[in-house]
């Protein structure tokens, strides 16, 4: 039997997580949503107020928790956009960190002669 995916939606300044009770009301989920995230369970769904967190951080934490448990989730348009934004920010940071590490070790990613030619072509001068 296949479970329906957990729904993640944004309603105002609240992230709403709903789905099958056996996925969202077990001890681990109650601890995560209730104690860790400070959510309230009402009408068969978890209501997570943003408080001091940004929406993307909250969506990312909930998605990581559900994915880590092997639970499928579907997101509304706003939650999906926030998740993509957070993931791209993380990937960008990883790329920057790898490039900085390479640069620190003397490995240049950019060919200086090619860069100088491009700058000259655009008319930039030091």
N, C-alpha and C. Protein backbone atom coordinates (compact mmCIF):
# COMPACT_ATOMS: atom_id res chain seq x y z
N UNK A 1 0.85 -1.18 0.00
CA UNK A 1 0.00 0.00 0.00
C UNK A 1 0.89 1.24 0.00
N UNK A 2 0.60 2.18 -0.86
CA UNK A 2 1.39 3.40 -0.97
C UNK A 2 0.71 4.53 -0.20
N UNK A 3 1.51 5.21 0.61
CA UNK A 3 0.98 6.34 1.37
C UNK A 3 0.85 7.56 0.49
N UNK A 4 -0.16 8.36 0.78
CA UNK A 4 -0.29 9.66 0.11
C UNK A 4 0.87 10.52 0.61
N UNK A 5 1.39 11.38 -0.25
CA UNK A 5 2.51 12.21 0.20
C UNK A 5 2.06 13.23 1.24
N UNK A 6 3.00 13.62 2.05
CA UNK A 6 2.77 14.68 3.04
C UNK A 6 2.71 15.99 2.27
N UNK A 7 1.74 16.82 2.60
CA UNK A 7 1.56 18.11 1.94
C UNK A 7 2.24 19.20 2.75
N UNK A 8 3.01 20.05 2.06
CA UNK A 8 3.64 21.20 2.70
C UNK A 8 3.10 22.44 1.98
N UNK A 9 2.48 23.33 2.74
CA UNK A 9 1.88 24.52 2.14
C UNK A 9 2.13 25.73 3.03
N UNK A 10 2.05 26.89 2.41
CA UNK A 10 2.24 28.15 3.12
C UNK A 10 0.90 28.85 3.21
N UNK A 11 0.52 29.23 4.43
CA UNK A 11 -0.70 30.01 4.65
C UNK A 11 -0.32 31.22 5.48
N UNK A 12 -0.18 32.35 4.84
CA UNK A 12 0.24 33.56 5.55
C UNK A 12 1.66 33.41 6.07
N UNK A 13 1.82 33.55 7.39
CA UNK A 13 3.14 33.39 8.02
C UNK A 13 3.24 32.06 8.74
N UNK A 14 2.51 31.06 8.22
CA UNK A 14 2.49 29.73 8.83
C UNK A 14 2.77 28.68 7.77
N UNK A 15 3.64 27.73 8.10
CA UNK A 15 3.88 26.58 7.24
C UNK A 15 2.96 25.48 7.73
N UNK A 16 2.17 24.92 6.84
CA UNK A 16 1.20 23.89 7.20
C UNK A 16 1.67 22.56 6.63
N UNK A 17 1.80 21.56 7.50
CA UNK A 17 2.22 20.23 7.10
C UNK A 17 1.09 19.27 7.43
N UNK A 18 0.57 18.59 6.41
CA UNK A 18 -0.54 17.67 6.63
C UNK A 18 -0.27 16.38 5.88
N UNK A 19 -0.89 15.33 6.37
CA UNK A 19 -0.72 14.02 5.74
C UNK A 19 -1.24 12.93 6.64
N UNK A 20 -0.93 11.70 6.29
CA UNK A 20 -1.41 10.56 7.09
C UNK A 20 -0.91 10.63 8.53
N UNK A 21 -1.81 10.35 9.48
CA UNK A 21 -1.48 10.43 10.90
C UNK A 21 -0.30 9.54 11.27
N UNK A 22 -0.22 8.34 10.67
CA UNK A 22 0.86 7.44 11.08
C UNK A 22 2.24 7.96 10.65
N UNK A 23 2.29 8.94 9.74
CA UNK A 23 3.56 9.56 9.36
C UNK A 23 3.86 10.81 10.16
N UNK A 24 2.83 11.51 10.59
CA UNK A 24 3.03 12.80 11.25
C UNK A 24 2.75 12.81 12.74
N UNK A 25 2.21 11.72 13.26
CA UNK A 25 1.88 11.70 14.69
C UNK A 25 2.62 10.63 15.47
N UNK A 26 3.62 10.00 14.86
CA UNK A 26 4.42 9.07 15.63
C UNK A 26 5.30 9.87 16.59
N UNK A 27 5.95 9.20 17.51
CA UNK A 27 6.71 9.89 18.55
C UNK A 27 7.79 10.81 17.97
N UNK A 28 8.54 10.32 16.99
CA UNK A 28 9.61 11.12 16.40
C UNK A 28 9.06 12.38 15.73
N UNK A 29 7.97 12.25 15.00
CA UNK A 29 7.38 13.40 14.32
C UNK A 29 6.80 14.40 15.31
N UNK A 30 6.14 13.90 16.35
CA UNK A 30 5.61 14.81 17.37
C UNK A 30 6.73 15.61 18.02
N UNK A 31 7.84 14.94 18.28
CA UNK A 31 8.99 15.63 18.89
C UNK A 31 9.55 16.67 17.93
N UNK A 32 9.73 16.30 16.67
CA UNK A 32 10.31 17.23 15.70
C UNK A 32 9.40 18.44 15.46
N UNK A 33 8.15 18.17 15.08
CA UNK A 33 7.25 19.27 14.76
C UNK A 33 6.83 20.08 16.00
N UNK A 34 6.59 19.38 17.10
CA UNK A 34 6.12 20.07 18.30
C UNK A 34 7.23 20.70 19.12
N UNK A 35 8.23 19.89 19.51
CA UNK A 35 9.27 20.40 20.41
C UNK A 35 10.37 21.16 19.68
N UNK A 36 10.86 20.61 18.59
CA UNK A 36 11.98 21.24 17.89
C UNK A 36 11.53 22.49 17.14
N UNK A 37 10.44 22.38 16.38
CA UNK A 37 9.98 23.51 15.56
C UNK A 37 8.92 24.36 16.25
N UNK A 38 8.42 23.92 17.39
CA UNK A 38 7.43 24.71 18.13
C UNK A 38 6.08 24.77 17.46
N UNK A 39 5.73 23.72 16.73
CA UNK A 39 4.46 23.70 16.02
C UNK A 39 3.30 23.27 16.89
N UNK A 40 2.10 23.55 16.39
CA UNK A 40 0.87 23.13 17.05
C UNK A 40 0.15 22.17 16.13
N UNK A 41 -0.38 21.09 16.70
CA UNK A 41 -1.16 20.14 15.90
C UNK A 41 -2.64 20.45 16.08
N UNK A 42 -3.31 20.74 14.97
CA UNK A 42 -4.74 21.05 15.02
C UNK A 42 -5.39 20.59 13.74
N UNK A 43 -6.56 20.01 13.86
CA UNK A 43 -7.34 19.56 12.70
C UNK A 43 -6.54 18.65 11.77
N UNK A 44 -5.71 17.78 12.33
CA UNK A 44 -4.98 16.80 11.54
C UNK A 44 -3.79 17.37 10.77
N UNK A 45 -3.30 18.52 11.17
CA UNK A 45 -2.15 19.10 10.49
C UNK A 45 -1.28 19.86 11.47
N UNK A 46 -0.01 19.97 11.14
CA UNK A 46 0.93 20.74 11.95
C UNK A 46 0.98 22.16 11.45
N UNK A 47 0.86 23.12 12.35
CA UNK A 47 0.94 24.54 12.03
C UNK A 47 2.24 25.07 12.61
N UNK A 48 3.14 25.50 11.73
CA UNK A 48 4.46 25.96 12.14
C UNK A 48 4.59 27.45 11.85
N UNK A 49 4.54 28.25 12.90
CA UNK A 49 4.67 29.70 12.73
C UNK A 49 6.13 30.03 12.42
N UNK A 50 6.32 31.05 11.59
CA UNK A 50 7.68 31.41 11.18
C UNK A 50 8.52 31.91 12.35
N UNK A 51 7.96 32.66 13.23
CA UNK A 51 8.68 33.26 14.36
C UNK A 51 9.93 33.97 13.85
N UNK A 52 11.11 33.57 14.31
CA UNK A 52 12.33 34.28 13.92
C UNK A 52 13.01 33.65 12.71
N UNK A 53 12.48 32.56 12.19
CA UNK A 53 13.09 31.89 11.03
C UNK A 53 12.57 32.48 9.73
N UNK A 54 13.38 32.35 8.70
CA UNK A 54 12.89 32.70 7.36
C UNK A 54 12.11 31.49 6.83
N UNK A 55 11.18 31.76 5.94
CA UNK A 55 10.35 30.71 5.38
C UNK A 55 11.19 29.62 4.73
N UNK A 56 12.19 30.02 3.95
CA UNK A 56 13.00 29.02 3.26
C UNK A 56 13.72 28.10 4.23
N UNK A 57 14.16 28.62 5.38
CA UNK A 57 14.83 27.79 6.37
C UNK A 57 13.87 26.74 6.94
N UNK A 58 12.66 27.17 7.23
CA UNK A 58 11.67 26.26 7.79
C UNK A 58 11.28 25.19 6.78
N UNK A 59 11.04 25.58 5.54
CA UNK A 59 10.69 24.62 4.49
C UNK A 59 11.83 23.62 4.31
N UNK A 60 13.06 24.11 4.30
CA UNK A 60 14.22 23.24 4.12
C UNK A 60 14.34 22.24 5.27
N UNK A 61 14.14 22.69 6.50
CA UNK A 61 14.21 21.78 7.66
C UNK A 61 13.14 20.70 7.59
N UNK A 62 11.91 21.09 7.26
CA UNK A 62 10.82 20.11 7.19
C UNK A 62 11.08 19.13 6.06
N UNK A 63 11.50 19.64 4.89
CA UNK A 63 11.77 18.75 3.75
C UNK A 63 12.91 17.79 4.07
N UNK A 64 13.97 18.28 4.71
CA UNK A 64 15.11 17.42 5.06
C UNK A 64 14.67 16.34 6.05
N UNK A 65 13.84 16.71 7.01
CA UNK A 65 13.34 15.75 7.99
C UNK A 65 12.53 14.66 7.30
N UNK A 66 11.59 15.07 6.46
CA UNK A 66 10.75 14.08 5.78
C UNK A 66 11.57 13.21 4.83
N UNK A 67 12.47 13.81 4.08
CA UNK A 67 13.31 13.04 3.15
C UNK A 67 14.18 12.04 3.90
N UNK A 68 14.71 12.49 5.03
CA UNK A 68 15.55 11.61 5.85
C UNK A 68 14.80 10.40 6.37
N UNK A 69 13.52 10.53 6.51
CA UNK A 69 12.69 9.40 6.96
C UNK A 69 12.11 8.61 5.80
N UNK A 70 12.44 9.03 4.56
CA UNK A 70 11.93 8.33 3.39
C UNK A 70 10.47 8.62 3.10
N UNK A 71 9.99 9.77 3.55
CA UNK A 71 8.59 10.15 3.36
C UNK A 71 8.48 11.09 2.17
N UNK A 72 7.63 10.75 1.22
CA UNK A 72 7.41 11.60 0.06
C UNK A 72 6.61 12.83 0.47
N UNK A 73 6.91 13.95 -0.16
CA UNK A 73 6.16 15.17 0.15
C UNK A 73 5.86 15.92 -1.13
N UNK A 74 4.78 16.67 -1.09
CA UNK A 74 4.47 17.56 -2.20
C UNK A 74 4.30 18.95 -1.60
N UNK A 75 4.74 19.93 -2.35
CA UNK A 75 4.74 21.29 -1.85
C UNK A 75 3.88 22.18 -2.72
N UNK A 76 3.26 23.19 -2.11
CA UNK A 76 2.55 24.16 -2.93
C UNK A 76 3.59 25.04 -3.62
N UNK A 77 3.14 25.91 -4.48
CA UNK A 77 4.04 26.72 -5.30
C UNK A 77 4.99 27.57 -4.45
N UNK A 78 4.50 28.16 -3.40
CA UNK A 78 5.34 29.03 -2.56
C UNK A 78 6.40 28.20 -1.84
N UNK A 79 6.00 27.09 -1.22
CA UNK A 79 6.95 26.25 -0.49
C UNK A 79 7.99 25.66 -1.44
N UNK A 80 7.56 25.27 -2.64
CA UNK A 80 8.49 24.71 -3.62
C UNK A 80 9.51 25.75 -4.05
N UNK A 81 9.06 26.98 -4.29
CA UNK A 81 9.97 28.06 -4.68
C UNK A 81 10.99 28.34 -3.57
N UNK A 82 10.52 28.38 -2.33
CA UNK A 82 11.43 28.64 -1.20
C UNK A 82 12.44 27.51 -1.04
N UNK A 83 12.01 26.28 -1.25
CA UNK A 83 12.93 25.14 -1.15
C UNK A 83 13.99 25.23 -2.25
N UNK A 84 13.58 25.52 -3.47
CA UNK A 84 14.54 25.65 -4.57
C UNK A 84 15.53 26.77 -4.31
N UNK A 85 15.05 27.88 -3.77
CA UNK A 85 15.93 29.01 -3.45
C UNK A 85 16.97 28.60 -2.41
N UNK A 86 16.54 27.90 -1.37
CA UNK A 86 17.46 27.47 -0.32
C UNK A 86 18.48 26.47 -0.85
N UNK A 87 18.02 25.54 -1.69
CA UNK A 87 18.94 24.55 -2.25
C UNK A 87 19.96 25.20 -3.17
N UNK A 88 19.52 26.17 -3.98
CA UNK A 88 20.46 26.85 -4.88
C UNK A 88 21.46 27.68 -4.08
N UNK A 89 21.03 28.30 -3.01
CA UNK A 89 21.95 29.05 -2.16
C UNK A 89 23.00 28.11 -1.57
N UNK A 90 22.59 26.94 -1.14
CA UNK A 90 23.52 25.96 -0.58
C UNK A 90 24.50 25.47 -1.65
N UNK A 91 24.00 25.17 -2.85
CA UNK A 91 24.88 24.73 -3.94
C UNK A 91 25.85 25.83 -4.32
N UNK A 92 25.40 27.08 -4.35
CA UNK A 92 26.27 28.21 -4.68
C UNK A 92 27.38 28.35 -3.64
N UNK A 93 27.03 28.20 -2.38
CA UNK A 93 28.03 28.29 -1.32
C UNK A 93 29.07 27.18 -1.47
N UNK A 94 28.62 25.97 -1.80
CA UNK A 94 29.55 24.85 -1.99
C UNK A 94 30.48 25.11 -3.17
N UNK A 95 29.95 25.66 -4.27
CA UNK A 95 30.80 25.98 -5.42
C UNK A 95 31.83 27.05 -5.06
N UNK A 96 31.39 28.07 -4.34
CA UNK A 96 32.30 29.15 -3.93
C UNK A 96 33.39 28.61 -3.01
N UNK A 97 33.00 27.78 -2.10
CA UNK A 97 33.97 27.20 -1.16
C UNK A 97 35.00 26.35 -1.89
N UNK A 98 34.56 25.54 -2.85
CA UNK A 98 35.49 24.70 -3.62
C UNK A 98 36.43 25.57 -4.46
N UNK A 99 35.90 26.61 -5.08
CA UNK A 99 36.73 27.52 -5.88
C UNK A 99 37.75 28.25 -5.02
N UNK A 100 37.35 28.69 -3.85
CA UNK A 100 38.27 29.38 -2.94
C UNK A 100 39.37 28.44 -2.47
N UNK A 101 39.02 27.21 -2.21
CA UNK A 101 40.01 26.22 -1.79
C UNK A 101 41.02 25.97 -2.92
N UNK A 102 40.51 25.83 -4.14
CA UNK A 102 41.40 25.65 -5.30
C UNK A 102 42.32 26.85 -5.47
N UNK A 103 41.76 28.05 -5.35
CA UNK A 103 42.54 29.27 -5.52
C UNK A 103 43.62 29.35 -4.44
N UNK A 104 43.26 28.99 -3.22
CA UNK A 104 44.22 29.04 -2.11
C UNK A 104 45.39 28.08 -2.35
N UNK A 105 45.13 26.98 -3.03
CA UNK A 105 46.17 26.00 -3.33
C UNK A 105 46.93 26.34 -4.61
N UNK A 106 46.63 27.51 -5.19
CA UNK A 106 47.36 27.94 -6.38
C UNK A 106 46.76 27.48 -7.69
N UNK A 107 45.63 26.85 -7.64
CA UNK A 107 44.97 26.39 -8.85
C UNK A 107 43.97 27.46 -9.28
N UNK A 108 44.30 28.15 -10.37
CA UNK A 108 43.38 29.18 -10.84
C UNK A 108 42.39 28.57 -11.80
N UNK A 109 41.16 28.95 -11.65
CA UNK A 109 40.10 28.45 -12.51
C UNK A 109 40.02 29.31 -13.77
N UNK A 110 40.38 30.57 -13.63
CA UNK A 110 40.29 31.52 -14.74
C UNK A 110 41.68 31.70 -15.35
N UNK A 111 41.74 31.61 -16.66
CA UNK A 111 43.01 31.88 -17.35
C UNK A 111 43.19 33.39 -17.40
N UNK A 112 44.29 33.86 -16.78
CA UNK A 112 44.49 35.29 -16.66
C UNK A 112 44.60 36.00 -18.01
N UNK A 113 45.25 35.37 -18.97
CA UNK A 113 45.41 36.00 -20.30
C UNK A 113 44.04 36.17 -20.96
N UNK A 114 43.21 35.16 -20.83
CA UNK A 114 41.86 35.22 -21.42
C UNK A 114 41.02 36.29 -20.72
N UNK A 115 41.14 36.38 -19.42
CA UNK A 115 40.42 37.38 -18.65
C UNK A 115 40.86 38.79 -19.05
N UNK A 116 42.17 38.99 -19.16
CA UNK A 116 42.69 40.30 -19.53
C UNK A 116 42.22 40.69 -20.93
N UNK A 117 42.19 39.72 -21.85
CA UNK A 117 41.72 39.99 -23.22
C UNK A 117 40.25 40.41 -23.21
N UNK A 118 39.45 39.75 -22.40
CA UNK A 118 38.03 40.09 -22.31
C UNK A 118 37.85 41.49 -21.71
N UNK A 119 38.61 41.81 -20.69
CA UNK A 119 38.53 43.14 -20.09
C UNK A 119 38.96 44.23 -21.08
N UNK A 120 40.03 43.95 -21.82
CA UNK A 120 40.49 44.90 -22.84
C UNK A 120 39.43 45.11 -23.90
N UNK A 121 38.78 44.03 -24.31
CA UNK A 121 37.74 44.10 -25.36
C UNK A 121 36.57 44.99 -24.91
N UNK A 122 36.24 44.94 -23.62
CA UNK A 122 35.15 45.77 -23.11
C UNK A 122 35.59 47.17 -22.75
N UNK A 123 36.88 47.45 -22.87
CA UNK A 123 37.37 48.79 -22.64
C UNK A 123 37.70 49.11 -21.20
N UNK A 124 37.83 48.10 -20.37
CA UNK A 124 38.16 48.34 -18.97
C UNK A 124 39.67 48.52 -18.84
N UNK A 125 40.08 49.50 -18.05
CA UNK A 125 41.50 49.69 -17.80
C UNK A 125 41.70 49.96 -16.31
N UNK A 126 42.79 49.45 -15.76
CA UNK A 126 43.03 49.64 -14.32
C UNK A 126 43.39 51.07 -13.97
